[in-house]
């Protein structure tokens, strides 16, 4: 996690950036986000109980399958859900 001074430095760098810089920054950000989602997905295992806050509020279920970035969760009567790993929390 970034500390306050690191966040201030990022803001300062954004203030200096031009259009080409923003495109490069956007690419770096998207790659970092994909990498983070992949790392998070690897922390979960099939059969593990999880919970998340979705469109229907707090939901819970059991992991049926772990994909590269998303997790398939069996929420019982509420059906099967494809949930981004970064939204899940072990319960």
N, C-alpha and C. Protein backbone atom coordinates (compact mmCIF):
# COMPACT_ATOMS: atom_id res chain seq x y z
N UNK A 1 0.84 -1.18 0.00
CA UNK A 1 0.00 0.00 0.00
C UNK A 1 0.89 1.24 0.00
N UNK A 2 0.47 2.24 -0.74
CA UNK A 2 1.24 3.47 -0.82
C UNK A 2 0.99 4.35 0.39
N UNK A 3 2.03 5.03 0.84
CA UNK A 3 1.83 5.96 1.95
C UNK A 3 1.45 7.34 1.40
N UNK A 4 1.18 8.27 2.30
CA UNK A 4 0.70 9.60 1.92
C UNK A 4 1.71 10.35 1.05
N UNK A 5 2.97 10.28 1.38
CA UNK A 5 3.96 11.02 0.59
C UNK A 5 4.09 10.43 -0.81
N UNK A 6 3.93 9.14 -0.96
CA UNK A 6 3.97 8.52 -2.29
C UNK A 6 2.76 8.97 -3.13
N UNK A 7 1.60 9.06 -2.50
CA UNK A 7 0.40 9.52 -3.21
C UNK A 7 0.56 10.98 -3.64
N UNK A 8 1.16 11.80 -2.80
CA UNK A 8 1.41 13.21 -3.14
C UNK A 8 2.35 13.27 -4.34
N UNK A 9 3.37 12.44 -4.35
CA UNK A 9 4.33 12.42 -5.46
C UNK A 9 3.63 12.03 -6.76
N UNK A 10 2.74 11.07 -6.72
CA UNK A 10 1.99 10.67 -7.91
C UNK A 10 1.16 11.84 -8.43
N UNK A 11 0.49 12.56 -7.53
CA UNK A 11 -0.29 13.73 -7.93
C UNK A 11 0.59 14.78 -8.61
N UNK A 12 1.78 14.99 -8.05
CA UNK A 12 2.71 15.96 -8.63
C UNK A 12 3.13 15.54 -10.04
N UNK A 13 3.37 14.27 -10.22
CA UNK A 13 3.76 13.77 -11.54
C UNK A 13 2.61 13.88 -12.54
N UNK A 14 1.40 13.64 -12.10
CA UNK A 14 0.23 13.81 -12.98
C UNK A 14 0.12 15.28 -13.43
N UNK A 15 0.40 16.19 -12.55
CA UNK A 15 0.30 17.61 -12.89
C UNK A 15 1.30 18.00 -13.98
N UNK A 16 2.41 17.28 -14.09
CA UNK A 16 3.44 17.56 -15.09
C UNK A 16 3.21 16.82 -16.41
N UNK A 17 2.33 15.82 -16.41
CA UNK A 17 2.18 14.93 -17.57
C UNK A 17 1.48 15.60 -18.74
N UNK A 18 1.81 15.13 -19.96
CA UNK A 18 1.10 15.58 -21.16
C UNK A 18 0.30 14.40 -21.72
N UNK A 19 -0.30 14.59 -22.89
CA UNK A 19 -1.17 13.57 -23.47
C UNK A 19 -0.49 12.23 -23.68
N UNK A 20 0.72 12.23 -24.23
CA UNK A 20 1.44 10.98 -24.45
C UNK A 20 1.77 10.29 -23.13
N UNK A 21 2.12 11.09 -22.12
CA UNK A 21 2.41 10.52 -20.81
C UNK A 21 1.17 9.83 -20.24
N UNK A 22 0.00 10.47 -20.41
CA UNK A 22 -1.22 9.89 -19.87
C UNK A 22 -1.55 8.56 -20.54
N UNK A 23 -1.31 8.44 -21.83
CA UNK A 23 -1.54 7.17 -22.50
C UNK A 23 -0.63 6.08 -21.95
N UNK A 24 0.63 6.41 -21.75
CA UNK A 24 1.57 5.45 -21.19
C UNK A 24 1.20 5.09 -19.75
N UNK A 25 0.80 6.09 -18.97
CA UNK A 25 0.37 5.86 -17.59
C UNK A 25 -0.85 4.95 -17.56
N UNK A 26 -1.80 5.19 -18.46
CA UNK A 26 -3.01 4.36 -18.52
C UNK A 26 -2.66 2.91 -18.81
N UNK A 27 -1.73 2.68 -19.73
CA UNK A 27 -1.29 1.31 -20.03
C UNK A 27 -0.63 0.66 -18.82
N UNK A 28 0.22 1.41 -18.13
CA UNK A 28 0.88 0.87 -16.93
C UNK A 28 -0.15 0.55 -15.85
N UNK A 29 -1.12 1.44 -15.67
CA UNK A 29 -2.16 1.24 -14.66
C UNK A 29 -2.97 -0.02 -14.98
N UNK A 30 -3.39 -0.18 -16.24
CA UNK A 30 -4.19 -1.35 -16.62
C UNK A 30 -3.42 -2.64 -16.43
N UNK A 31 -2.14 -2.65 -16.76
CA UNK A 31 -1.32 -3.84 -16.56
C UNK A 31 -1.17 -4.16 -15.07
N UNK A 32 -0.97 -3.13 -14.25
CA UNK A 32 -0.85 -3.34 -12.81
C UNK A 32 -2.15 -3.88 -12.22
N UNK A 33 -3.28 -3.37 -12.70
CA UNK A 33 -4.57 -3.84 -12.22
C UNK A 33 -4.80 -5.31 -12.59
N UNK A 34 -4.45 -5.68 -13.82
CA UNK A 34 -4.59 -7.08 -14.26
C UNK A 34 -3.71 -8.00 -13.42
N UNK A 35 -2.49 -7.56 -13.17
CA UNK A 35 -1.56 -8.35 -12.37
C UNK A 35 -2.07 -8.52 -10.94
N UNK A 36 -2.62 -7.45 -10.38
CA UNK A 36 -3.18 -7.51 -9.02
C UNK A 36 -4.35 -8.49 -8.96
N UNK A 37 -5.24 -8.43 -9.95
CA UNK A 37 -6.39 -9.33 -9.99
C UNK A 37 -5.93 -10.79 -10.09
N UNK A 38 -4.91 -11.03 -10.88
CA UNK A 38 -4.37 -12.38 -11.03
C UNK A 38 -3.78 -12.88 -9.71
N UNK A 39 -3.02 -12.04 -9.03
CA UNK A 39 -2.44 -12.43 -7.73
C UNK A 39 -3.54 -12.73 -6.71
N UNK A 40 -4.59 -11.90 -6.70
CA UNK A 40 -5.69 -12.11 -5.76
C UNK A 40 -6.39 -13.43 -6.04
N UNK A 41 -6.62 -13.76 -7.32
CA UNK A 41 -7.30 -15.00 -7.68
C UNK A 41 -6.54 -16.21 -7.18
N UNK A 42 -5.23 -16.14 -7.19
CA UNK A 42 -4.42 -17.28 -6.73
C UNK A 42 -4.50 -17.50 -5.23
N UNK A 43 -5.04 -16.55 -4.48
CA UNK A 43 -5.14 -16.73 -3.02
C UNK A 43 -6.37 -17.55 -2.63
N UNK A 44 -7.27 -17.83 -3.58
CA UNK A 44 -8.49 -18.57 -3.29
C UNK A 44 -8.41 -19.99 -3.83
N UNK A 45 -9.13 -20.91 -3.17
CA UNK A 45 -9.14 -22.32 -3.56
C UNK A 45 -10.57 -22.81 -3.73
N UNK A 46 -10.75 -23.78 -4.61
CA UNK A 46 -12.05 -24.40 -4.83
C UNK A 46 -12.56 -24.97 -3.50
N UNK A 47 -13.85 -24.75 -3.21
CA UNK A 47 -14.47 -25.23 -1.97
C UNK A 47 -14.41 -24.24 -0.82
N UNK A 48 -13.67 -23.16 -0.98
CA UNK A 48 -13.53 -22.15 0.07
C UNK A 48 -14.79 -21.29 0.16
N UNK A 49 -15.21 -20.96 1.37
CA UNK A 49 -16.36 -20.09 1.57
C UNK A 49 -15.90 -18.64 1.44
N UNK A 50 -16.70 -17.85 0.70
CA UNK A 50 -16.36 -16.45 0.47
C UNK A 50 -17.61 -15.58 0.57
N UNK A 51 -17.38 -14.28 0.68
CA UNK A 51 -18.48 -13.32 0.64
C UNK A 51 -18.03 -12.10 -0.13
N UNK A 52 -19.02 -11.35 -0.63
CA UNK A 52 -18.74 -10.14 -1.39
C UNK A 52 -19.98 -9.26 -1.38
N UNK A 53 -19.78 -8.00 -1.70
CA UNK A 53 -20.89 -7.08 -1.82
C UNK A 53 -21.13 -6.87 -3.31
N UNK A 54 -22.29 -7.29 -3.77
CA UNK A 54 -22.63 -7.19 -5.18
C UNK A 54 -23.84 -6.32 -5.41
N UNK A 55 -24.45 -6.50 -6.57
CA UNK A 55 -25.62 -5.73 -6.93
C UNK A 55 -26.79 -5.98 -5.98
N UNK A 56 -26.82 -7.14 -5.39
CA UNK A 56 -27.91 -7.51 -4.47
C UNK A 56 -27.51 -7.38 -3.01
N UNK A 57 -26.44 -6.65 -2.74
CA UNK A 57 -25.97 -6.47 -1.37
C UNK A 57 -24.98 -7.55 -0.98
N UNK A 58 -24.87 -7.81 0.31
CA UNK A 58 -23.93 -8.81 0.82
C UNK A 58 -24.35 -10.19 0.38
N UNK A 59 -23.43 -10.90 -0.27
CA UNK A 59 -23.71 -12.25 -0.74
C UNK A 59 -22.60 -13.16 -0.27
N UNK A 60 -22.90 -14.45 -0.23
CA UNK A 60 -21.90 -15.43 0.16
C UNK A 60 -22.11 -16.71 -0.62
N UNK A 61 -21.07 -17.51 -0.66
CA UNK A 61 -21.15 -18.78 -1.37
C UNK A 61 -19.87 -19.56 -1.24
N UNK A 62 -19.77 -20.60 -2.05
CA UNK A 62 -18.61 -21.48 -2.05
C UNK A 62 -17.98 -21.44 -3.44
N UNK A 63 -16.67 -21.36 -3.48
CA UNK A 63 -15.97 -21.29 -4.76
C UNK A 63 -16.12 -22.60 -5.51
N UNK A 64 -16.62 -22.49 -6.76
CA UNK A 64 -16.77 -23.65 -7.62
C UNK A 64 -15.58 -23.78 -8.57
N UNK A 65 -15.01 -22.64 -8.97
CA UNK A 65 -13.89 -22.67 -9.91
C UNK A 65 -13.09 -21.38 -9.78
N UNK A 66 -11.76 -21.50 -9.88
CA UNK A 66 -10.87 -20.34 -9.86
C UNK A 66 -10.34 -20.14 -11.27
N UNK A 67 -10.68 -19.03 -11.88
CA UNK A 67 -10.16 -18.66 -13.18
C UNK A 67 -8.98 -17.72 -13.01
N UNK A 68 -8.45 -17.22 -14.11
CA UNK A 68 -7.26 -16.38 -14.04
C UNK A 68 -7.47 -15.12 -13.19
N UNK A 69 -8.57 -14.38 -13.43
CA UNK A 69 -8.83 -13.15 -12.67
C UNK A 69 -10.15 -13.20 -11.92
N UNK A 70 -11.05 -14.06 -12.34
CA UNK A 70 -12.38 -14.13 -11.75
C UNK A 70 -12.61 -15.48 -11.08
N UNK A 71 -13.57 -15.51 -10.19
CA UNK A 71 -13.89 -16.71 -9.44
C UNK A 71 -15.36 -17.03 -9.67
N UNK A 72 -15.66 -18.30 -9.95
CA UNK A 72 -17.04 -18.73 -10.09
C UNK A 72 -17.49 -19.18 -8.70
N UNK A 73 -18.54 -18.52 -8.18
CA UNK A 73 -19.02 -18.78 -6.83
C UNK A 73 -20.44 -19.33 -6.89
N UNK A 74 -20.65 -20.45 -6.20
CA UNK A 74 -21.99 -21.03 -6.09
C UNK A 74 -22.65 -20.40 -4.87
N UNK A 75 -23.66 -19.56 -5.11
CA UNK A 75 -24.36 -18.86 -4.03
C UNK A 75 -25.66 -19.57 -3.67
N UNK A 76 -25.74 -20.86 -3.93
CA UNK A 76 -26.92 -21.64 -3.58
C UNK A 76 -28.13 -21.24 -4.39
N UNK A 77 -29.21 -20.90 -3.71
CA UNK A 77 -30.46 -20.53 -4.37
C UNK A 77 -30.32 -19.26 -5.21
N UNK A 78 -29.30 -18.45 -4.93
CA UNK A 78 -29.08 -17.21 -5.69
C UNK A 78 -28.28 -17.45 -6.96
N UNK A 79 -27.90 -18.68 -7.23
CA UNK A 79 -27.24 -19.05 -8.47
C UNK A 79 -25.73 -18.98 -8.45
N UNK A 80 -25.17 -19.18 -9.63
CA UNK A 80 -23.73 -19.14 -9.82
C UNK A 80 -23.35 -17.72 -10.23
N UNK A 81 -22.27 -17.22 -9.66
CA UNK A 81 -21.83 -15.86 -9.94
C UNK A 81 -20.37 -15.87 -10.36
N UNK A 82 -20.06 -15.07 -11.37
CA UNK A 82 -18.68 -14.86 -11.80
C UNK A 82 -18.22 -13.55 -11.16
N UNK A 83 -17.35 -13.65 -10.14
CA UNK A 83 -16.99 -12.50 -9.32
C UNK A 83 -15.50 -12.20 -9.50
N UNK A 84 -15.18 -10.93 -9.67
CA UNK A 84 -13.78 -10.51 -9.72
C UNK A 84 -13.12 -10.85 -8.38
N UNK A 85 -11.96 -11.45 -8.43
CA UNK A 85 -11.28 -11.91 -7.22
C UNK A 85 -11.02 -10.78 -6.24
N UNK A 86 -10.83 -9.57 -6.73
CA UNK A 86 -10.53 -8.45 -5.84
C UNK A 86 -11.74 -8.05 -4.99
N UNK A 87 -12.94 -8.51 -5.36
CA UNK A 87 -14.14 -8.19 -4.60
C UNK A 87 -14.42 -9.21 -3.49
N UNK A 88 -13.77 -10.36 -3.55
CA UNK A 88 -14.06 -11.44 -2.60
C UNK A 88 -13.29 -11.32 -1.31
N UNK A 89 -13.92 -11.85 -0.26
CA UNK A 89 -13.28 -11.91 1.05
C UNK A 89 -13.59 -13.29 1.62
N UNK A 90 -12.59 -13.97 2.17
CA UNK A 90 -12.82 -15.27 2.78
C UNK A 90 -13.75 -15.11 3.98
N UNK A 91 -14.67 -16.08 4.13
CA UNK A 91 -15.58 -15.97 5.28
C UNK A 91 -15.50 -17.19 6.17
